[in-house]
C-alpha atoms as a PDB file:
ATOM      1  CA  MET A   1     111.305 111.104  88.124  1.00  0.00           C
ATOM      2  CA  ASN A   2     110.848 110.524  83.920  1.00  0.00           C
ATOM      3  CA  GLN A   3     112.470 113.396  81.829  1.00  0.00           C
ATOM      4  CA  LEU A   4     110.571 113.368  79.023  1.00  0.00           C
ATOM      5  CA  GLU A   5     107.345 114.164  81.535  1.00  0.00           C
ATOM      6  CA  LEU A   6     109.182 116.600  83.423  1.00  0.00           C
ATOM      7  CA  THR A   7     110.426 118.717  80.386  1.00  0.00           C
ATOM      8  CA  ASP A   8     106.819 118.886  79.455  1.00  0.00           C
ATOM      9  CA  ILE A   9     105.459 119.973  82.854  1.00  0.00           C
ATOM     10  CA  LEU A  10     108.244 122.292  82.683  1.00  0.00           C
ATOM     11  CA  LYS A  11     107.432 123.395  79.102  1.00  0.00           C
ATOM     12  CA  ASN A  12     103.459 124.359  79.744  1.00  0.00           C
ATOM     13  CA  ALA A  13     104.489 125.546  83.023  1.00  0.00           C
ATOM     14  CA  PHE A  14     106.669 127.926  81.878  1.00  0.00           C
ATOM     15  CA  SER A  15     104.659 128.997  78.643  1.00  0.00           C
ATOM     16  CA  GLU A  16     101.618 129.417  81.690  1.00  0.00           C
ATOM     17  CA  ASP A  17     104.100 131.990  83.238  1.00  0.00           C
ATOM     18  CA  ILE A  18     106.610 133.674  80.780  1.00  0.00           C
ATOM     19  CA  GLY A  19     104.266 134.559  78.101  1.00  0.00           C
ATOM     20  CA  MET A  20     105.638 136.879  75.323  1.00  0.00           C
ATOM     21  CA  GLY A  21     108.803 137.417  78.047  1.00  0.00           C
ATOM     22  CA  ASP A  22     109.630 138.558  81.812  1.00  0.00           C
ATOM     23  CA  LEU A  23     109.218 142.577  81.507  1.00  0.00           C
ATOM     24  CA  THR A  24     110.313 143.187  84.521  1.00  0.00           C
ATOM     25  CA  THR A  25     113.961 141.266  84.259  1.00  0.00           C
ATOM     26  CA  ASN A  26     114.454 141.962  80.686  1.00  0.00           C
ATOM     27  CA  SER A  27     113.869 145.198  80.711  1.00  0.00           C
ATOM     28  CA  VAL A  28     116.509 145.787  83.617  1.00  0.00           C
ATOM     29  CA  PHE A  29     118.797 142.977  82.978  1.00  0.00           C
ATOM     30  CA  PRO A  30     120.860 142.902  79.711  1.00  0.00           C
ATOM     31  CA  GLU A  31     121.179 138.884  78.305  1.00  0.00           C
ATOM     32  CA  SER A  32     125.149 138.982  78.376  1.00  0.00           C
ATOM     33  CA  GLN A  33     124.661 139.670  82.270  1.00  0.00           C
ATOM     34  CA  LEU A  34     125.693 136.399  84.283  1.00  0.00           C
ATOM     35  CA  GLY A  35     124.459 135.268  88.232  1.00  0.00           C
ATOM     36  CA  LYS A  36     124.332 132.895  90.876  1.00  0.00           C
ATOM     37  CA  GLY A  37     121.126 132.082  92.576  1.00  0.00           C
ATOM     38  CA  ILE A  38     120.542 129.915  95.792  1.00  0.00           C
ATOM     39  CA  TYR A  39     117.989 127.814  96.881  1.00  0.00           C
ATOM     40  CA  THR A  40     117.938 127.372 100.337  1.00  0.00           C
ATOM     41  CA  ALA A  41     115.509 125.964 102.934  1.00  0.00           C
ATOM     42  CA  LYS A  42     113.841 127.322 105.511  1.00  0.00           C
ATOM     43  CA  ALA A  43     112.094 124.957 106.832  1.00  0.00           C
ATOM     44  CA  ASP A  44     113.514 121.151 107.870  1.00  0.00           C
ATOM     45  CA  GLY A  45     111.731 119.144 106.041  1.00  0.00           C
ATOM     46  CA  VAL A  46     112.758 116.184 103.264  1.00  0.00           C
ATOM     47  CA  VAL A  47     113.372 117.313  99.670  1.00  0.00           C
ATOM     48  CA  ALA A  48     111.935 116.351  96.262  1.00  0.00           C
ATOM     49  CA  GLY A  49     112.432 116.755  92.517  1.00  0.00           C
ATOM     50  CA  LEU A  50     115.954 118.811  92.260  1.00  0.00           C
ATOM     51  CA  GLN A  51     116.029 117.582  89.158  1.00  0.00           C
ATOM     52  CA  ILE A  52     113.256 120.802  88.385  1.00  0.00           C
ATOM     53  CA  ILE A  53     116.359 122.984  88.625  1.00  0.00           C
ATOM     54  CA  GLU A  54     118.295 121.953  86.463  1.00  0.00           C
ATOM     55  CA  VAL A  55     116.300 120.679  83.523  1.00  0.00           C
ATOM     56  CA  GLY A  56     113.870 123.704  83.964  1.00  0.00           C
ATOM     57  CA  TYR A  57     117.648 126.200  84.004  1.00  0.00           C
ATOM     58  CA  GLN A  58     118.738 124.674  81.314  1.00  0.00           C
ATOM     59  CA  MET A  59     115.587 124.555  79.266  1.00  0.00           C
ATOM     60  CA  ILE A  60     115.940 129.082  79.500  1.00  0.00           C
ATOM     61  CA  ASP A  61     119.585 129.002  79.551  1.00  0.00           C
ATOM     62  CA  PRO A  62     121.536 126.110  78.065  1.00  0.00           C
ATOM     63  CA  SER A  63     124.452 127.325  79.532  1.00  0.00           C
ATOM     64  CA  ALA A  64     123.072 127.159  82.967  1.00  0.00           C
ATOM     65  CA  GLU A  65     125.063 125.098  86.253  1.00  0.00           C
ATOM     66  CA  VAL A  66     123.691 123.509  88.713  1.00  0.00           C
ATOM     67  CA  VAL A  67     125.895 122.370  92.309  1.00  0.00           C
ATOM     68  CA  PHE A  68     123.783 120.158  94.015  1.00  0.00           C
ATOM     69  CA  HIS A  69     124.310 120.348  98.017  1.00  0.00           C
ATOM     70  CA  LYS A  70     121.356 117.755  98.494  1.00  0.00           C
ATOM     71  CA  GLN A  71     119.664 114.858  96.727  1.00  0.00           C
ATOM     72  CA  ASP A  72     116.063 113.728  96.574  1.00  0.00           C
ATOM     73  CA  GLY A  73     114.984 112.445  99.857  1.00  0.00           C
ATOM     74  CA  ASN A  74     117.574 114.228 102.012  1.00  0.00           C
ATOM     75  CA  LEU A  75     116.864 115.583 105.242  1.00  0.00           C
ATOM     76  CA  VAL A  76     117.110 119.017 105.057  1.00  0.00           C
ATOM     77  CA  ARG A  77     117.459 121.598 107.953  1.00  0.00           C
ATOM     78  CA  LYS A  78     116.312 125.044 108.272  1.00  0.00           C
ATOM     79  CA  GLY A  79     119.038 127.706 106.617  1.00  0.00           C
ATOM     80  CA  GLU A  80     121.061 124.741 104.791  1.00  0.00           C
ATOM     81  CA  LYS A  81     121.761 125.434 101.145  1.00  0.00           C
ATOM     82  CA  ILE A  82     119.789 122.605  98.686  1.00  0.00           C
ATOM     83  CA  ALA A  83     121.543 124.180  95.537  1.00  0.00           C
ATOM     84  CA  GLU A  84     123.546 126.995  93.321  1.00  0.00           C
ATOM     85  CA  VAL A  85     122.882 127.816  90.017  1.00  0.00           C
ATOM     86  CA  LYS A  86     125.046 129.726  87.778  1.00  0.00           C
ATOM     87  CA  ALA A  87     123.215 131.589  84.451  1.00  0.00           C
ATOM     88  CA  SER A  88     121.871 134.952  83.210  1.00  0.00           C
ATOM     89  CA  VAL A  89     120.133 136.634  85.098  1.00  0.00           C
ATOM     90  CA  ARG A  90     117.502 136.619  83.254  1.00  0.00           C
ATOM     91  CA  ALA A  91     117.486 133.379  83.321  1.00  0.00           C
ATOM     92  CA  LEU A  92     117.454 133.565  87.038  1.00  0.00           C
ATOM     93  CA  LEU A  93     114.879 135.395  87.643  1.00  0.00           C
ATOM     94  CA  THR A  94     112.229 134.539  84.932  1.00  0.00           C
ATOM     95  CA  GLY A  95     112.655 130.665  85.755  1.00  0.00           C
ATOM     96  CA  GLU A  96     112.723 131.285  89.807  1.00  0.00           C
ATOM     97  CA  ARG A  97     108.464 130.669  90.690  1.00  0.00           C
ATOM     98  CA  VAL A  98     107.968 127.857  88.320  1.00  0.00           C
ATOM     99  CA  ILE A  99     111.099 126.518  90.084  1.00  0.00           C
ATOM    100  CA  LEU A 100     110.267 126.896  92.996  1.00  0.00           C
ATOM    101  CA  ASN A 101     106.717 126.386  92.989  1.00  0.00           C
ATOM    102  CA  LEU A 102     107.190 122.619  91.681  1.00  0.00           C
ATOM    103  CA  ILE A 103     109.754 121.916  94.311  1.00  0.00           C
ATOM    104  CA  GLN A 104     108.399 123.432  97.455  1.00  0.00           C
ATOM    105  CA  HIS A 105     105.245 121.015  96.670  1.00  0.00           C
ATOM    106  CA  LEU A 106     107.117 118.362  96.147  1.00  0.00           C
ATOM    107  CA  GLY A 107     109.087 118.769  99.136  1.00  0.00           C
ATOM    108  CA  GLY A 108     106.005 119.235 100.585  1.00  0.00           C
ATOM    109  CA  ILE A 109     104.820 115.828  99.946  1.00  0.00           C
ATOM    110  CA  ALA A 110     108.024 113.811 100.317  1.00  0.00           C
ATOM    111  CA  THR A 111     108.201 115.918 104.324  1.00  0.00           C
ATOM    112  CA  ALA A 112     104.367 114.594 104.770  1.00  0.00           C
ATOM    113  CA  THR A 113     104.913 111.196 104.044  1.00  0.00           C
ATOM    114  CA  GLN A 114     108.048 110.850 105.876  1.00  0.00           C
ATOM    115  CA  GLU A 115     106.389 111.791 109.004  1.00  0.00           C
ATOM    116  CA  VAL A 116     103.409 109.729 108.256  1.00  0.00           C
ATOM    117  CA  ILE A 117     105.639 106.219 108.381  1.00  0.00           C
ATOM    118  CA  LYS A 118     107.439 107.483 111.399  1.00  0.00           C
ATOM    119  CA  LEU A 119     103.647 108.381 113.216  1.00  0.00           C
ATOM    120  CA  LEU A 120     102.212 105.266 112.025  1.00  0.00           C
ATOM    121  CA  ASP A 121     105.586 103.439 113.434  1.00  0.00           C
ATOM    122  CA  ASP A 122     105.131  99.629 111.557  1.00  0.00           C
ATOM    123  CA  ASN A 123     106.887  98.954 108.658  1.00  0.00           C
ATOM    124  CA  THR A 124     104.270  95.790 108.429  1.00  0.00           C
ATOM    125  CA  ILE A 125     101.960  98.615 106.755  1.00  0.00           C
ATOM    126  CA  THR A 126     102.905 100.300 103.349  1.00  0.00           C
ATOM    127  CA  ILE A 127     102.153 104.262 103.292  1.00  0.00           C
ATOM    128  CA  THR A 128     100.910 104.708  99.602  1.00  0.00           C
ATOM    129  CA  ASP A 129      99.150 107.419  97.613  1.00  0.00           C
ATOM    130  CA  THR A 130      95.892 107.915  95.551  1.00  0.00           C
ATOM    131  CA  ARG A 131      94.635 109.177  92.564  1.00  0.00           C
ATOM    132  CA  LYS A 132      93.636 112.408  94.606  1.00  0.00           C
ATOM    133  CA  THR A 133      96.247 114.427  92.175  1.00  0.00           C
ATOM    134  CA  LEU A 134      96.489 117.666  90.395  1.00  0.00           C
ATOM    135  CA  PRO A 135      95.937 117.334  86.341  1.00  0.00           C
ATOM    136  CA  GLY A 136      99.169 117.146  85.518  1.00  0.00           C
ATOM    137  CA  LEU A 137     101.542 116.689  87.262  1.00  0.00           C
ATOM    138  CA  ARG A 138     100.248 112.905  88.552  1.00  0.00           C
ATOM    139  CA  SER A 139     103.989 111.791  87.676  1.00  0.00           C
ATOM    140  CA  ILE A 140     106.060 114.080  90.132  1.00  0.00           C
ATOM    141  CA  GLN A 141     103.522 114.380  93.226  1.00  0.00           C
ATOM    142  CA  LYS A 142     103.718 110.237  93.293  1.00  0.00           C
ATOM    143  CA  TYR A 143     107.329 110.540  92.695  1.00  0.00           C
ATOM    144  CA  ALA A 144     107.883 112.574  95.355  1.00  0.00           C
ATOM    145  CA  VAL A 145     105.286 110.114  97.359  1.00  0.00           C
ATOM    146  CA  ARG A 146     108.545 107.524  96.815  1.00  0.00           C
ATOM    147  CA  CYS A 147     111.299 110.430  98.111  1.00  0.00           C
ATOM    148  CA  GLY A 148     109.668 110.375 101.312  1.00  0.00           C
ATOM    149  CA  GLY A 149     109.665 106.750 101.691  1.00  0.00           C
ATOM    150  CA  GLY A 150     106.028 105.720 100.556  1.00  0.00           C
ATOM    151  CA  LYS A 151     105.243 103.874  97.450  1.00  0.00           C
ATOM    152  CA  ASN A 152     102.488 104.669  94.742  1.00  0.00           C
ATOM    153  CA  HIS A 153      99.282 103.174  94.291  1.00  0.00           C
ATOM    154  CA  ARG A 154      97.950 102.700  90.587  1.00  0.00           C
ATOM    155  CA  PHE A 155      99.091 106.004  88.162  1.00  0.00           C
ATOM    156  CA  ARG A 156      95.896 105.147  85.963  1.00  0.00           C
ATOM    157  CA  LEU A 157      92.512 103.812  85.481  1.00  0.00           C
ATOM    158  CA  ASP A 158      94.441 101.067  83.318  1.00  0.00           C
ATOM    159  CA  ASP A 159      96.862  99.857  86.191  1.00  0.00           C
ATOM    160  CA  GLY A 160      94.754  97.693  87.581  1.00  0.00           C
ATOM    161  CA  VAL A 161      90.678  97.514  88.494  1.00  0.00           C
ATOM    162  CA  MET A 162      88.972  99.064  91.241  1.00  0.00           C
ATOM    163  CA  ILE A 163      85.394  98.125  91.917  1.00  0.00           C
ATOM    164  CA  LYS A 164      84.107 100.878  94.593  1.00  0.00           C
ATOM    165  CA  ASP A 165      80.651 101.592  95.598  1.00  0.00           C
ATOM    166  CA  ASN A 166      79.164 103.405  92.648  1.00  0.00           C
ATOM    167  CA  HIS A 167      80.466 100.093  90.523  1.00  0.00           C
ATOM    168  CA  ILE A 168      78.738  98.074  92.879  1.00  0.00           C
ATOM    169  CA  LYS A 169      75.408  99.627  92.774  1.00  0.00           C
ATOM    170  CA  ALA A 170      75.286 100.256  88.872  1.00  0.00           C
ATOM    171  CA  ALA A 171      76.504  96.538  88.628  1.00  0.00           C
ATOM    172  CA  GLY A 172      73.859  95.405  91.355  1.00  0.00           C
ATOM    173  CA  SER A 173      76.293  93.515  93.764  1.00  0.00           C
ATOM    174  CA  ILE A 174      79.867  93.014  94.597  1.00  0.00           C
ATOM    175  CA  THR A 175      79.776  89.294  92.608  1.00  0.00           C
ATOM    176  CA  LYS A 176      77.951  90.362  89.674  1.00  0.00           C
ATOM    177  CA  ALA A 177      80.662  93.462  89.245  1.00  0.00           C
ATOM    178  CA  LEU A 178      83.766  90.682  90.136  1.00  0.00           C
ATOM    179  CA  GLU A 179      82.011  88.329  87.668  1.00  0.00           C
ATOM    180  CA  LYS A 180      82.298  90.860  84.735  1.00  0.00           C
ATOM    181  CA  VAL A 181      85.556  92.150  84.992  1.00  0.00           C
ATOM    182  CA  ARG A 182      86.923  88.198  85.278  1.00  0.00           C
ATOM    183  CA  ALA A 183      85.424  88.307  81.951  1.00  0.00           C
ATOM    184  CA  GLU A 184      87.146  90.778  80.847  1.00  0.00           C
ATOM    185  CA  ILE A 185      90.513  91.284  81.732  1.00  0.00           C
ATOM    186  CA  GLY A 186      93.547  89.354  81.481  1.00  0.00           C
ATOM    187  CA  HIS A 187      95.497  87.496  83.965  1.00  0.00           C
ATOM    188  CA  MET A 188      97.859  89.968  84.516  1.00  0.00           C
ATOM    189  CA  VAL A 189      95.893  92.524  86.530  1.00  0.00           C
ATOM    190  CA  LYS A 190      94.565  92.489  90.125  1.00  0.00           C
ATOM    191  CA  ILE A 191      90.982  92.977  91.030  1.00  0.00           C
ATOM    192  CA  GLU A 192      90.687  95.225  94.248  1.00  0.00           C
ATOM    193  CA  ILE A 193      87.175  96.165  96.027  1.00  0.00           C
ATOM    194  CA  GLU A 194      86.368  98.942  97.813  1.00  0.00           C
ATOM    195  CA  THR A 195      83.767  97.472 101.333  1.00  0.00           C
ATOM    196  CA  GLU A 196      82.572  99.338 103.449  1.00  0.00           C
ATOM    197  CA  ASN A 197      81.063  96.940 105.960  1.00  0.00           C
ATOM    198  CA  LYS A 198      81.266  93.074 107.056  1.00  0.00           C
ATOM    199  CA  ALA A 199      78.542  91.796 104.811  1.00  0.00           C
ATOM    200  CA  GLN A 200      80.904  93.300 101.813  1.00  0.00           C
ATOM    201  CA  VAL A 201      83.692  92.074 103.103  1.00  0.00           C
ATOM    202  CA  GLN A 202      82.527  88.373 103.309  1.00  0.00           C
ATOM    203  CA  GLU A 203      80.946  89.446  99.741  1.00  0.00           C
ATOM    204  CA  ALA A 204      84.530  90.187  98.470  1.00  0.00           C
ATOM    205  CA  VAL A 205      86.356  86.952  99.901  1.00  0.00           C
ATOM    206  CA  GLU A 206      83.885  84.920  98.674  1.00  0.00           C
ATOM    207  CA  ALA A 207      84.198  86.554  95.165  1.00  0.00           C
ATOM    208  CA  GLY A 208      87.691  86.036  94.768  1.00  0.00           C
ATOM    209  CA  ALA A 209      89.136  89.533  95.156  1.00  0.00           C
ATOM    210  CA  ASP A 210      92.569  90.080  94.857  1.00  0.00           C
ATOM    211  CA  VAL A 211      92.841  93.081  97.033  1.00  0.00           C
ATOM    212  CA  ILE A 212      89.868  94.560  99.522  1.00  0.00           C
ATOM    213  CA  MET A 213      89.745  97.892 100.577  1.00  0.00           C
ATOM    214  CA  LEU A 214      88.574  99.360 104.036  1.00  0.00           C
ATOM    215  CA  ASP A 215      86.888 102.425 103.537  1.00  0.00           C
ATOM    216  CA  ASN A 216      86.347 104.663 106.904  1.00  0.00           C
ATOM    217  CA  ARG A 217      86.801 102.319 109.264  1.00  0.00           C
ATOM    218  CA  SER A 218      88.307 103.266 112.930  1.00  0.00           C
ATOM    219  CA  PRO A 219      91.327 100.851 114.210  1.00  0.00           C
ATOM    220  CA  GLN A 220      89.280  98.800 116.155  1.00  0.00           C
ATOM    221  CA  GLU A 221      86.375  98.054 113.367  1.00  0.00           C
ATOM    222  CA  VAL A 222      89.806  97.233 110.924  1.00  0.00           C
ATOM    223  CA  LYS A 223      91.087  94.843 113.474  1.00  0.00           C
ATOM    224  CA  GLU A 224      87.618  92.745 113.905  1.00  0.00           C
ATOM    225  CA  LEU A 225      87.464  92.505 109.971  1.00  0.00           C
ATOM    226  CA  VAL A 226      90.593  91.631 109.269  1.00  0.00           C
ATOM    227  CA  LYS A 227      90.093  88.554 110.766  1.00  0.00           C
ATOM    228  CA  LEU A 228      87.605  87.599 107.770  1.00  0.00           C
ATOM    229  CA  ILE A 229      90.063  87.920 105.287  1.00  0.00           C
ATOM    230  CA  PRO A 230      92.685  85.179 104.359  1.00  0.00           C
ATOM    231  CA  ASP A 231      96.186  85.613 104.343  1.00  0.00           C
ATOM    232  CA  GLU A 232      96.809  85.610 100.744  1.00  0.00           C
ATOM    233  CA  ILE A 233      94.294  88.547  99.811  1.00  0.00           C
ATOM    234  CA  ILE A 234      96.011  92.008 100.564  1.00  0.00           C
ATOM    235  CA  VAL A 235      93.867  94.586 102.292  1.00  0.00           C
ATOM    236  CA  GLU A 236      94.364  98.426 102.646  1.00  0.00           C
ATOM    237  CA  VAL A 237      92.761 100.623 104.460  1.00  0.00           C
ATOM    238  CA  SER A 238      91.625 104.227 103.199  1.00  0.00           C
ATOM    239  CA  GLY A 239      89.436 107.363 104.515  1.00  0.00           C
ATOM    240  CA  GLY A 240      89.812 109.780 107.025  1.00  0.00           C
ATOM    241  CA  ILE A 241      93.417 108.918 108.214  1.00  0.00           C
ATOM    242  CA  THR A 242      95.333 111.736 109.067  1.00  0.00           C
ATOM    243  CA  PRO A 243      98.312 112.618 110.927  1.00  0.00           C
ATOM    244  CA  GLN A 244      96.821 112.800 114.319  1.00  0.00           C
ATOM    245  CA  ASN A 245      95.074 109.615 114.548  1.00  0.00           C
ATOM    246  CA  ILE A 246      97.333 107.299 112.270  1.00  0.00           C
ATOM    247  CA  SER A 247      99.117 106.136 114.959  1.00  0.00           C
ATOM    248  CA  GLY A 248      95.631 104.179 116.097  1.00  0.00           C
ATOM    249  CA  TYR A 249      96.644 102.079 112.550  1.00  0.00           C
ATOM    250  CA  LYS A 250      99.514 100.534 114.231  1.00  0.00           C
ATOM    251  CA  GLY A 251      99.475  96.763 114.114  1.00  0.00           C
ATOM    252  CA  CYS A 252      95.860  96.832 113.124  1.00  0.00           C
ATOM    253  CA  GLY A 253      96.851  93.886 110.833  1.00  0.00           C
ATOM    254  CA  VAL A 254      96.143  95.392 107.367  1.00  0.00           C
ATOM    255  CA  ASP A 255      98.750  95.771 104.637  1.00  0.00           C
ATOM    256  CA  VAL A 256      98.365  98.917 102.880  1.00  0.00           C
ATOM    257  CA  ILE A 257      97.155 102.342 103.827  1.00  0.00           C
ATOM    258  CA  SER A 258      96.418 104.585 101.202  1.00  0.00           C
ATOM    259  CA  LEU A 259      96.621 108.492 101.712  1.00  0.00           C
ATOM    260  CA  GLY A 260      94.436 111.014  99.070  1.00  0.00           C
ATOM    261  CA  TRP A 261      95.735 114.485 100.833  1.00  0.00           C
ATOM    262  CA  LEU A 262      99.827 113.277 100.210  1.00  0.00           C
ATOM    263  CA  THR A 263      99.151 114.502  96.557  1.00  0.00           C
ATOM    264  CA  HIS A 264      95.994 117.237  97.093  1.00  0.00           C
ATOM    265  CA  SER A 265      96.287 119.190  99.879  1.00  0.00           C
ATOM    266  CA  VAL A 266      99.880 119.054 101.831  1.00  0.00           C
ATOM    267  CA  LYS A 267     102.040 122.365 102.969  1.00  0.00           C
ATOM    268  CA  ALA A 268     104.918 123.109 100.556  1.00  0.00           C
ATOM    269  CA  LEU A 269     108.313 123.089 102.192  1.00  0.00           C
ATOM    270  CA  ASP A 270     109.387 126.539 102.741  1.00  0.00           C
ATOM    271  CA  ILE A 271     112.616 127.180  99.998  1.00  0.00           C
ATOM    272  CA  SER A 272     113.728 130.623  98.764  1.00  0.00           C
ATOM    273  CA  PHE A 273     115.924 131.723  96.324  1.00  0.00           C
ATOM    274  CA  ASN A 274     118.525 134.436  96.317  1.00  0.00           C
ATOM    275  CA  LEU A 275     120.742 136.232  93.727  1.00  0.00           C
ATOM    276  CA  GLU A 276     124.257 135.775  95.527  1.00  0.00           C
END
């Protein structure tokens, strides 16, 4: 996890949540009162983003000390301790909500990622995320995917070329869009084409795509379409794939399955924070 980006995320989050100060906590507890808080799992899952606890509390109280019982990517069982924090009571309570929100969300992503990898049960296919992330949180959401055993699709629009349906419509065809791209980009950049039918797959192959995405295709459709694609072209499938149907894609012949819901709509991992 990039600490510079994490610091910026936490700074913005604390600014939004704390404002001019925690009226409740600051009224009840003197600045000098010290305490200890414990983060505990309330459900089974995979933890991610635990650095947020240490970096977050030390931003509020530089003397804060954290002892971790789990590391990112570890499986945690309900009732197990994740981390203990010693700091001023003011810091412990003021930082609690922001830190919990983030580590629960990232734990949910890591847990969901590991679950779908197990459900797919095919180590020839890589599970990745997409750019369907929450603004400002992309770097840590994608980090959580890696903690769960997945990999990352492109981070930004300048990572690689992805010619989608609207690009194709506006350009006139896959071939025309790819020709324009080839004339502009350098040799280090890969080109991915999103396809929706057999004709588009054939055109993408003939045009020289590096990656072909099969969009919203059933497992049986995927198995038929991959027969048209040479081995040197990476094949990705995306759209409509859920924990309920992902096992059907086992052995379908693709290289990558990308899942937008991994980052935009997962259930948070239930974690509690309590003063000792």
